[in-house]
Amino acid sequence: MWEGALSGPTGSLYEGGHFYFRIGFGGQYPFRAPLVQFITQLYHLNVDAMGVVSLPSLRSWSVASRLYEVCQELYDMF
């Protein structure tokens, strides 16, 4: 499991905030997408009530997918 943090970008609704997340790798990784979940409570269209993130790169996951793309999309959410 990886843990990370994002800072809210200047000029956004999330400015000044610090948002912590986890990326969990199940036993079937890389054949199944990792689980990306915010630890910090966050209100966003791509985040459910449990903090689980839905991103295009996770929905179209394949063995050739890269975690860099997931992290970039996570950053771009803000």
N, C-alpha and C. Protein backbone atom coordinates (compact mmCIF):
# COMPACT_ATOMS: atom_id res chain seq x y z
N MET A 1 0.85 -1.18 0.00
CA MET A 1 0.00 0.00 0.00
C MET A 1 0.89 1.23 0.00
N TRP A 2 0.51 2.17 -0.84
CA TRP A 2 1.19 3.46 -0.86
C TRP A 2 0.28 4.48 -0.21
N GLU A 3 0.88 5.48 0.41
CA GLU A 3 0.12 6.62 0.94
C GLU A 3 0.74 7.88 0.38
N GLY A 4 -0.11 8.86 0.14
CA GLY A 4 0.36 10.11 -0.43
C GLY A 4 -0.51 11.27 0.01
N ALA A 5 -0.12 12.46 -0.37
CA ALA A 5 -0.86 13.66 -0.02
C ALA A 5 -0.84 14.63 -1.20
N LEU A 6 -1.92 15.35 -1.34
CA LEU A 6 -2.04 16.40 -2.34
C LEU A 6 -2.41 17.70 -1.63
N SER A 7 -1.85 18.79 -2.06
CA SER A 7 -2.23 20.11 -1.55
C SER A 7 -3.18 20.75 -2.54
N GLY A 8 -4.21 21.40 -2.03
CA GLY A 8 -5.16 22.07 -2.91
C GLY A 8 -4.49 23.19 -3.69
N PRO A 9 -4.68 23.22 -5.00
CA PRO A 9 -4.04 24.24 -5.83
C PRO A 9 -4.54 25.66 -5.54
N THR A 10 -3.68 26.61 -5.70
CA THR A 10 -4.04 28.02 -5.53
C THR A 10 -5.15 28.38 -6.51
N GLY A 11 -6.16 29.08 -6.02
CA GLY A 11 -7.25 29.53 -6.86
C GLY A 11 -8.36 28.52 -7.03
N SER A 12 -8.23 27.35 -6.42
CA SER A 12 -9.29 26.34 -6.52
C SER A 12 -10.12 26.32 -5.23
N LEU A 13 -11.22 25.61 -5.27
CA LEU A 13 -12.03 25.45 -4.06
C LEU A 13 -11.28 24.72 -2.96
N TYR A 14 -10.27 23.98 -3.33
CA TYR A 14 -9.50 23.17 -2.39
C TYR A 14 -8.23 23.87 -1.88
N GLU A 15 -8.05 25.13 -2.25
CA GLU A 15 -6.86 25.88 -1.87
C GLU A 15 -6.64 25.84 -0.36
N GLY A 16 -5.41 25.58 0.03
CA GLY A 16 -5.05 25.55 1.45
C GLY A 16 -5.32 24.20 2.11
N GLY A 17 -5.99 23.31 1.44
CA GLY A 17 -6.28 22.01 2.02
C GLY A 17 -5.18 21.00 1.74
N HIS A 18 -5.10 20.01 2.61
CA HIS A 18 -4.16 18.90 2.44
C HIS A 18 -4.99 17.63 2.44
N PHE A 19 -4.87 16.84 1.40
CA PHE A 19 -5.73 15.69 1.19
C PHE A 19 -4.87 14.42 1.09
N TYR A 20 -5.10 13.52 2.02
CA TYR A 20 -4.32 12.30 2.11
C TYR A 20 -5.07 11.15 1.46
N PHE A 21 -4.33 10.29 0.77
CA PHE A 21 -4.94 9.17 0.05
C PHE A 21 -4.07 7.92 0.16
N ARG A 22 -4.69 6.79 -0.18
CA ARG A 22 -4.01 5.50 -0.21
C ARG A 22 -4.22 4.85 -1.58
N ILE A 23 -3.23 4.14 -2.02
CA ILE A 23 -3.36 3.29 -3.20
C ILE A 23 -3.06 1.87 -2.74
N GLY A 24 -4.08 1.03 -2.80
CA GLY A 24 -3.93 -0.35 -2.35
C GLY A 24 -3.82 -1.31 -3.52
N PHE A 25 -2.92 -2.24 -3.38
CA PHE A 25 -2.67 -3.22 -4.43
C PHE A 25 -3.17 -4.57 -3.94
N GLY A 26 -4.22 -5.07 -4.55
CA GLY A 26 -4.75 -6.37 -4.18
C GLY A 26 -3.85 -7.49 -4.70
N GLY A 27 -4.18 -8.70 -4.36
CA GLY A 27 -3.40 -9.85 -4.76
C GLY A 27 -3.40 -10.09 -6.26
N GLN A 28 -4.32 -9.48 -6.99
CA GLN A 28 -4.38 -9.68 -8.43
C GLN A 28 -3.76 -8.53 -9.23
N TYR A 29 -3.13 -7.58 -8.54
CA TYR A 29 -2.42 -6.51 -9.22
C TYR A 29 -1.24 -7.12 -9.96
N PRO A 30 -0.93 -6.82 -11.17
CA PRO A 30 -1.38 -5.73 -12.02
C PRO A 30 -2.54 -6.10 -12.95
N PHE A 31 -3.12 -7.27 -12.74
CA PHE A 31 -4.22 -7.68 -13.62
C PHE A 31 -5.54 -6.99 -13.26
N ARG A 32 -5.62 -6.46 -12.05
CA ARG A 32 -6.78 -5.66 -11.63
C ARG A 32 -6.28 -4.30 -11.15
N ALA A 33 -7.12 -3.30 -11.33
CA ALA A 33 -6.74 -1.93 -10.95
C ALA A 33 -6.53 -1.82 -9.44
N PRO A 34 -5.62 -0.95 -9.02
CA PRO A 34 -5.46 -0.70 -7.59
C PRO A 34 -6.68 0.05 -7.06
N LEU A 35 -6.88 -0.01 -5.76
CA LEU A 35 -7.95 0.75 -5.11
C LEU A 35 -7.36 2.07 -4.64
N VAL A 36 -7.94 3.16 -5.10
CA VAL A 36 -7.49 4.50 -4.70
C VAL A 36 -8.56 5.09 -3.81
N GLN A 37 -8.16 5.51 -2.60
CA GLN A 37 -9.13 5.98 -1.61
C GLN A 37 -8.55 7.16 -0.83
N PHE A 38 -9.34 8.22 -0.71
CA PHE A 38 -8.93 9.35 0.11
C PHE A 38 -9.16 9.03 1.58
N ILE A 39 -8.18 9.35 2.40
CA ILE A 39 -8.31 9.21 3.86
C ILE A 39 -9.00 10.46 4.39
N THR A 40 -8.63 11.60 3.84
CA THR A 40 -9.23 12.88 4.19
C THR A 40 -10.62 12.95 3.57
N GLN A 41 -11.61 13.38 4.36
CA GLN A 41 -12.95 13.53 3.80
C GLN A 41 -12.92 14.61 2.72
N LEU A 42 -13.51 14.27 1.58
CA LEU A 42 -13.43 15.14 0.42
C LEU A 42 -14.74 15.07 -0.35
N TYR A 43 -15.26 16.20 -0.72
CA TYR A 43 -16.48 16.26 -1.53
C TYR A 43 -16.08 16.55 -2.97
N HIS A 44 -16.24 15.54 -3.82
CA HIS A 44 -15.87 15.66 -5.22
C HIS A 44 -16.72 14.66 -6.00
N LEU A 45 -17.05 14.99 -7.23
CA LEU A 45 -17.89 14.11 -8.06
C LEU A 45 -17.28 12.74 -8.29
N ASN A 46 -15.95 12.65 -8.28
CA ASN A 46 -15.28 11.37 -8.54
C ASN A 46 -14.94 10.59 -7.27
N VAL A 47 -15.43 11.04 -6.12
CA VAL A 47 -15.13 10.39 -4.85
C VAL A 47 -16.43 10.02 -4.16
N ASP A 48 -16.57 8.73 -3.79
CA ASP A 48 -17.81 8.31 -3.13
C ASP A 48 -17.75 8.58 -1.62
N ALA A 49 -18.80 8.21 -0.90
CA ALA A 49 -18.91 8.49 0.53
C ALA A 49 -17.82 7.80 1.36
N MET A 50 -17.27 6.72 0.85
CA MET A 50 -16.20 5.99 1.55
C MET A 50 -14.81 6.48 1.16
N GLY A 51 -14.75 7.48 0.26
CA GLY A 51 -13.49 8.04 -0.18
C GLY A 51 -12.89 7.35 -1.38
N VAL A 52 -13.57 6.34 -1.92
CA VAL A 52 -13.06 5.60 -3.08
C VAL A 52 -13.16 6.47 -4.33
N VAL A 53 -12.07 6.52 -5.07
CA VAL A 53 -11.96 7.37 -6.25
C VAL A 53 -12.31 6.59 -7.52
N SER A 54 -13.06 7.22 -8.40
CA SER A 54 -13.37 6.66 -9.70
C SER A 54 -12.70 7.53 -10.76
N LEU A 55 -11.75 6.95 -11.47
CA LEU A 55 -11.01 7.66 -12.50
C LEU A 55 -11.07 6.87 -13.81
N PRO A 56 -11.03 7.55 -14.95
CA PRO A 56 -11.02 6.83 -16.23
C PRO A 56 -9.90 5.80 -16.33
N SER A 57 -8.72 6.14 -15.82
CA SER A 57 -7.60 5.20 -15.92
C SER A 57 -7.83 3.94 -15.09
N LEU A 58 -8.62 4.04 -14.02
CA LEU A 58 -8.94 2.86 -13.22
C LEU A 58 -10.04 2.03 -13.86
N ARG A 59 -10.99 2.71 -14.48
CA ARG A 59 -12.09 1.99 -15.13
C ARG A 59 -11.63 1.23 -16.38
N SER A 60 -10.61 1.75 -17.05
CA SER A 60 -10.11 1.09 -18.26
C SER A 60 -8.76 0.41 -18.00
N TRP A 61 -8.55 -0.07 -16.80
CA TRP A 61 -7.28 -0.65 -16.38
C TRP A 61 -6.91 -1.87 -17.22
N SER A 62 -5.65 -1.99 -17.55
CA SER A 62 -5.11 -3.19 -18.20
C SER A 62 -3.71 -3.44 -17.64
N VAL A 63 -3.15 -4.57 -17.96
CA VAL A 63 -1.81 -4.89 -17.49
C VAL A 63 -0.79 -3.84 -17.95
N ALA A 64 -1.06 -3.21 -19.07
CA ALA A 64 -0.14 -2.21 -19.61
C ALA A 64 -0.31 -0.83 -18.95
N SER A 65 -1.32 -0.66 -18.11
CA SER A 65 -1.55 0.63 -17.45
C SER A 65 -0.41 0.94 -16.48
N ARG A 66 -0.23 2.24 -16.23
CA ARG A 66 0.86 2.68 -15.36
C ARG A 66 0.31 3.47 -14.19
N LEU A 67 0.92 3.30 -13.03
CA LEU A 67 0.50 4.04 -11.85
C LEU A 67 0.74 5.53 -12.00
N TYR A 68 1.73 5.89 -12.80
CA TYR A 68 1.98 7.31 -13.05
C TYR A 68 0.72 7.97 -13.60
N GLU A 69 0.02 7.31 -14.51
CA GLU A 69 -1.19 7.86 -15.11
C GLU A 69 -2.28 8.04 -14.05
N VAL A 70 -2.39 7.10 -13.15
CA VAL A 70 -3.38 7.19 -12.07
C VAL A 70 -3.05 8.39 -11.17
N CYS A 71 -1.79 8.51 -10.79
CA CYS A 71 -1.38 9.63 -9.93
C CYS A 71 -1.59 10.98 -10.62
N GLN A 72 -1.30 11.05 -11.90
CA GLN A 72 -1.50 12.29 -12.65
C GLN A 72 -2.97 12.65 -12.70
N GLU A 73 -3.84 11.68 -12.95
CA GLU A 73 -5.28 11.93 -12.97
C GLU A 73 -5.78 12.36 -11.60
N LEU A 74 -5.25 11.76 -10.56
CA LEU A 74 -5.63 12.12 -9.20
C LEU A 74 -5.28 13.59 -8.93
N TYR A 75 -4.10 14.00 -9.34
CA TYR A 75 -3.68 15.39 -9.18
C TYR A 75 -4.56 16.32 -10.01
N ASP A 76 -4.88 15.92 -11.23
CA ASP A 76 -5.68 16.75 -12.13
C ASP A 76 -7.14 16.91 -11.68
N MET A 77 -7.59 16.07 -10.76
CA MET A 77 -8.97 16.20 -10.25
C MET A 77 -9.22 17.57 -9.63
N PHE A 78 -8.17 18.14 -9.05
CA PHE A 78 -8.33 19.41 -8.36
C PHE A 78 -8.25 20.54 -9.34
